[in-house]
Amino acid sequence: MFLDELSPLFNELMQSPVAFMGGLASGLLRLNLDQDPVKSWLEKQGATVDSNHDDNNSSGGSSGPTSISID
């Protein structure tokens, strides 16, 4: 039962171990894929980096704190 849940993880590891370990390391180190040297390395490898994504900002371009009033 527990191994059935982990089987997709092991399949990805066996198909491309270098890419899997690179993704795991970048996630653990919290590397930003939009910044150099990671971005330039990914572009050399043939990957396309989308730098127009919003992680948690859905306010439409506002980059600072917003004020709210609580009644």
N, C-alpha and C. Protein backbone atom coordinates (compact mmCIF):
# COMPACT_ATOMS: atom_id res chain seq x y z
N MET A 1 0.83 -1.19 0.00
CA MET A 1 0.00 0.00 0.00
C MET A 1 0.88 1.25 0.00
N PHE A 2 1.84 1.31 0.89
CA PHE A 2 2.72 2.48 0.94
C PHE A 2 3.61 2.54 -0.28
N LEU A 3 4.05 1.40 -0.78
CA LEU A 3 4.91 1.37 -1.95
C LEU A 3 4.16 1.77 -3.22
N ASP A 4 2.86 1.53 -3.27
CA ASP A 4 2.07 1.95 -4.42
C ASP A 4 2.04 3.47 -4.56
N GLU A 5 2.04 4.16 -3.44
CA GLU A 5 2.03 5.62 -3.47
C GLU A 5 3.38 6.20 -3.89
N LEU A 6 4.45 5.48 -3.61
CA LEU A 6 5.79 5.96 -3.95
C LEU A 6 6.28 5.47 -5.31
N SER A 7 5.53 4.61 -5.96
CA SER A 7 5.99 4.06 -7.24
C SER A 7 6.16 5.12 -8.33
N PRO A 8 5.30 6.15 -8.46
CA PRO A 8 5.57 7.18 -9.48
C PRO A 8 6.88 7.93 -9.22
N LEU A 9 7.20 8.13 -7.95
CA LEU A 9 8.44 8.79 -7.59
C LEU A 9 9.65 7.95 -8.03
N PHE A 10 9.60 6.67 -7.78
CA PHE A 10 10.69 5.78 -8.17
C PHE A 10 10.78 5.64 -9.69
N ASN A 11 9.64 5.66 -10.37
CA ASN A 11 9.66 5.58 -11.84
C ASN A 11 10.36 6.79 -12.44
N GLU A 12 10.08 7.98 -11.93
CA GLU A 12 10.74 9.19 -12.42
C GLU A 12 12.23 9.15 -12.11
N LEU A 13 12.58 8.63 -10.95
CA LEU A 13 13.99 8.54 -10.57
C LEU A 13 14.74 7.59 -11.50
N MET A 14 14.13 6.50 -11.88
CA MET A 14 14.80 5.53 -12.74
C MET A 14 14.87 5.99 -14.21
N GLN A 15 13.91 6.79 -14.66
CA GLN A 15 13.90 7.25 -16.05
C GLN A 15 14.98 8.30 -16.31
N SER A 16 15.10 9.26 -15.42
CA SER A 16 16.11 10.31 -15.59
C SER A 16 16.65 10.71 -14.22
N PRO A 17 17.65 9.97 -13.73
CA PRO A 17 18.13 10.22 -12.37
C PRO A 17 18.82 11.57 -12.18
N VAL A 18 19.52 12.06 -13.20
CA VAL A 18 20.23 13.34 -13.05
C VAL A 18 19.24 14.49 -12.94
N ALA A 19 18.23 14.49 -13.80
CA ALA A 19 17.23 15.56 -13.76
C ALA A 19 16.41 15.49 -12.47
N PHE A 20 16.11 14.28 -12.04
CA PHE A 20 15.34 14.12 -10.81
C PHE A 20 16.12 14.66 -9.61
N MET A 21 17.38 14.28 -9.51
CA MET A 21 18.18 14.72 -8.38
C MET A 21 18.44 16.23 -8.45
N GLY A 22 18.56 16.78 -9.66
CA GLY A 22 18.72 18.22 -9.80
C GLY A 22 17.48 18.97 -9.34
N GLY A 23 16.32 18.46 -9.72
CA GLY A 23 15.08 19.08 -9.27
C GLY A 23 14.88 18.96 -7.78
N LEU A 24 15.26 17.81 -7.23
CA LEU A 24 15.14 17.61 -5.79
C LEU A 24 16.09 18.56 -5.04
N ALA A 25 17.32 18.68 -5.53
CA ALA A 25 18.28 19.57 -4.88
C ALA A 25 17.85 21.03 -4.98
N SER A 26 17.33 21.44 -6.14
CA SER A 26 16.89 22.84 -6.27
C SER A 26 15.68 23.14 -5.39
N GLY A 27 14.82 22.15 -5.21
CA GLY A 27 13.70 22.34 -4.31
C GLY A 27 14.12 22.41 -2.86
N LEU A 28 15.06 21.56 -2.47
CA LEU A 28 15.53 21.57 -1.09
C LEU A 28 16.32 22.84 -0.76
N LEU A 29 17.07 23.32 -1.73
CA LEU A 29 17.86 24.54 -1.53
C LEU A 29 17.06 25.81 -1.81
N ARG A 30 15.82 25.64 -2.27
CA ARG A 30 14.92 26.75 -2.59
C ARG A 30 15.54 27.73 -3.58
N LEU A 31 16.10 27.16 -4.66
CA LEU A 31 16.71 27.99 -5.70
C LEU A 31 15.63 28.62 -6.56
N ASN A 32 15.81 29.87 -6.92
CA ASN A 32 14.88 30.57 -7.79
C ASN A 32 15.30 30.33 -9.23
N LEU A 33 14.45 29.75 -10.02
CA LEU A 33 14.78 29.41 -11.39
C LEU A 33 14.81 30.62 -12.31
N ASP A 34 14.36 31.78 -11.84
CA ASP A 34 14.36 33.00 -12.64
C ASP A 34 15.65 33.79 -12.51
N GLN A 35 16.54 33.38 -11.63
CA GLN A 35 17.77 34.14 -11.41
C GLN A 35 18.97 33.38 -11.94
N ASP A 36 20.00 34.14 -12.31
CA ASP A 36 21.26 33.52 -12.72
C ASP A 36 21.98 33.02 -11.48
N PRO A 37 22.74 31.99 -11.52
CA PRO A 37 23.22 31.20 -12.64
C PRO A 37 22.29 30.05 -13.02
N VAL A 38 21.23 29.86 -12.25
CA VAL A 38 20.34 28.73 -12.54
C VAL A 38 19.63 28.93 -13.87
N LYS A 39 19.16 30.13 -14.13
CA LYS A 39 18.43 30.41 -15.37
C LYS A 39 19.31 30.21 -16.60
N SER A 40 20.54 30.72 -16.54
CA SER A 40 21.43 30.57 -17.69
C SER A 40 21.81 29.11 -17.89
N TRP A 41 21.98 28.36 -16.81
CA TRP A 41 22.30 26.94 -16.95
C TRP A 41 21.14 26.17 -17.56
N LEU A 42 19.92 26.49 -17.14
CA LEU A 42 18.75 25.82 -17.71
C LEU A 42 18.60 26.14 -19.19
N GLU A 43 18.87 27.39 -19.57
CA GLU A 43 18.78 27.76 -20.98
C GLU A 43 19.84 27.04 -21.81
N LYS A 44 21.04 26.82 -21.25
CA LYS A 44 22.07 26.06 -21.95
C LYS A 44 21.66 24.60 -22.14
N GLN A 45 20.88 24.08 -21.19
CA GLN A 45 20.42 22.70 -21.28
C GLN A 45 19.25 22.54 -22.24
N GLY A 46 18.69 23.63 -22.71
CA GLY A 46 17.59 23.58 -23.66
C GLY A 46 16.22 23.80 -23.04
N ALA A 47 16.17 24.13 -21.78
CA ALA A 47 14.89 24.36 -21.11
C ALA A 47 14.46 25.80 -21.33
N THR A 48 13.17 26.03 -21.30
CA THR A 48 12.65 27.39 -21.37
C THR A 48 12.14 27.78 -20.00
N VAL A 49 12.58 28.93 -19.53
CA VAL A 49 12.22 29.41 -18.21
C VAL A 49 11.19 30.50 -18.37
N ASP A 50 10.01 30.31 -17.81
CA ASP A 50 8.93 31.29 -17.88
C ASP A 50 9.09 32.24 -16.71
N SER A 51 9.50 33.47 -16.99
CA SER A 51 9.73 34.44 -15.92
C SER A 51 8.52 35.32 -15.66
N ASN A 52 7.39 35.03 -16.27
CA ASN A 52 6.18 35.84 -16.10
C ASN A 52 5.15 35.18 -15.21
N HIS A 53 5.57 34.30 -14.33
CA HIS A 53 4.61 33.62 -13.46
C HIS A 53 4.50 34.34 -12.14
N ASP A 54 3.35 34.21 -11.48
CA ASP A 54 3.11 34.79 -10.17
C ASP A 54 3.00 33.67 -9.17
N ASP A 55 3.84 33.71 -8.13
CA ASP A 55 3.79 32.66 -7.13
C ASP A 55 2.58 32.83 -6.21
N ASN A 56 2.54 33.93 -5.50
CA ASN A 56 1.43 34.16 -4.57
C ASN A 56 0.81 35.52 -4.77
N ASN A 57 1.15 36.20 -5.84
CA ASN A 57 0.68 37.55 -6.05
C ASN A 57 -0.40 37.56 -7.12
N SER A 58 -1.65 37.63 -6.71
CA SER A 58 -2.74 37.67 -7.66
C SER A 58 -3.47 39.01 -7.60
N SER A 59 -2.78 40.06 -7.12
CA SER A 59 -3.43 41.35 -6.96
C SER A 59 -3.35 42.20 -8.21
N GLY A 60 -2.77 41.70 -9.28
CA GLY A 60 -2.76 42.42 -10.54
C GLY A 60 -1.62 43.40 -10.69
N GLY A 61 -0.45 43.13 -10.13
CA GLY A 61 0.68 43.98 -10.35
C GLY A 61 1.11 44.79 -9.15
N SER A 62 0.36 44.83 -8.10
CA SER A 62 0.74 45.56 -6.92
C SER A 62 1.85 44.80 -6.20
N SER A 63 2.98 45.47 -5.97
CA SER A 63 4.09 44.77 -5.38
C SER A 63 4.29 45.08 -3.90
N GLY A 64 3.55 46.02 -3.35
CA GLY A 64 3.72 46.39 -1.96
C GLY A 64 2.58 45.90 -1.09
N PRO A 65 2.67 46.17 0.19
CA PRO A 65 1.59 45.77 1.09
C PRO A 65 0.34 46.60 0.84
N THR A 66 -0.79 46.02 1.10
CA THR A 66 -2.06 46.72 0.93
C THR A 66 -2.67 46.96 2.30
N SER A 67 -3.38 48.05 2.42
CA SER A 67 -4.02 48.36 3.69
C SER A 67 -5.47 47.88 3.66
N ILE A 68 -5.91 47.37 4.78
CA ILE A 68 -7.30 46.92 4.91
C ILE A 68 -7.88 47.55 6.15
N SER A 69 -9.19 47.65 6.17
CA SER A 69 -9.86 48.17 7.38
C SER A 69 -10.78 47.10 7.90
N ILE A 70 -10.68 46.88 9.19
CA ILE A 70 -11.51 45.86 9.85
C ILE A 70 -12.50 46.58 10.74
N ASP A 71 -13.77 46.32 10.51
CA ASP A 71 -14.82 46.98 11.30
C ASP A 71 -15.10 46.22 12.58
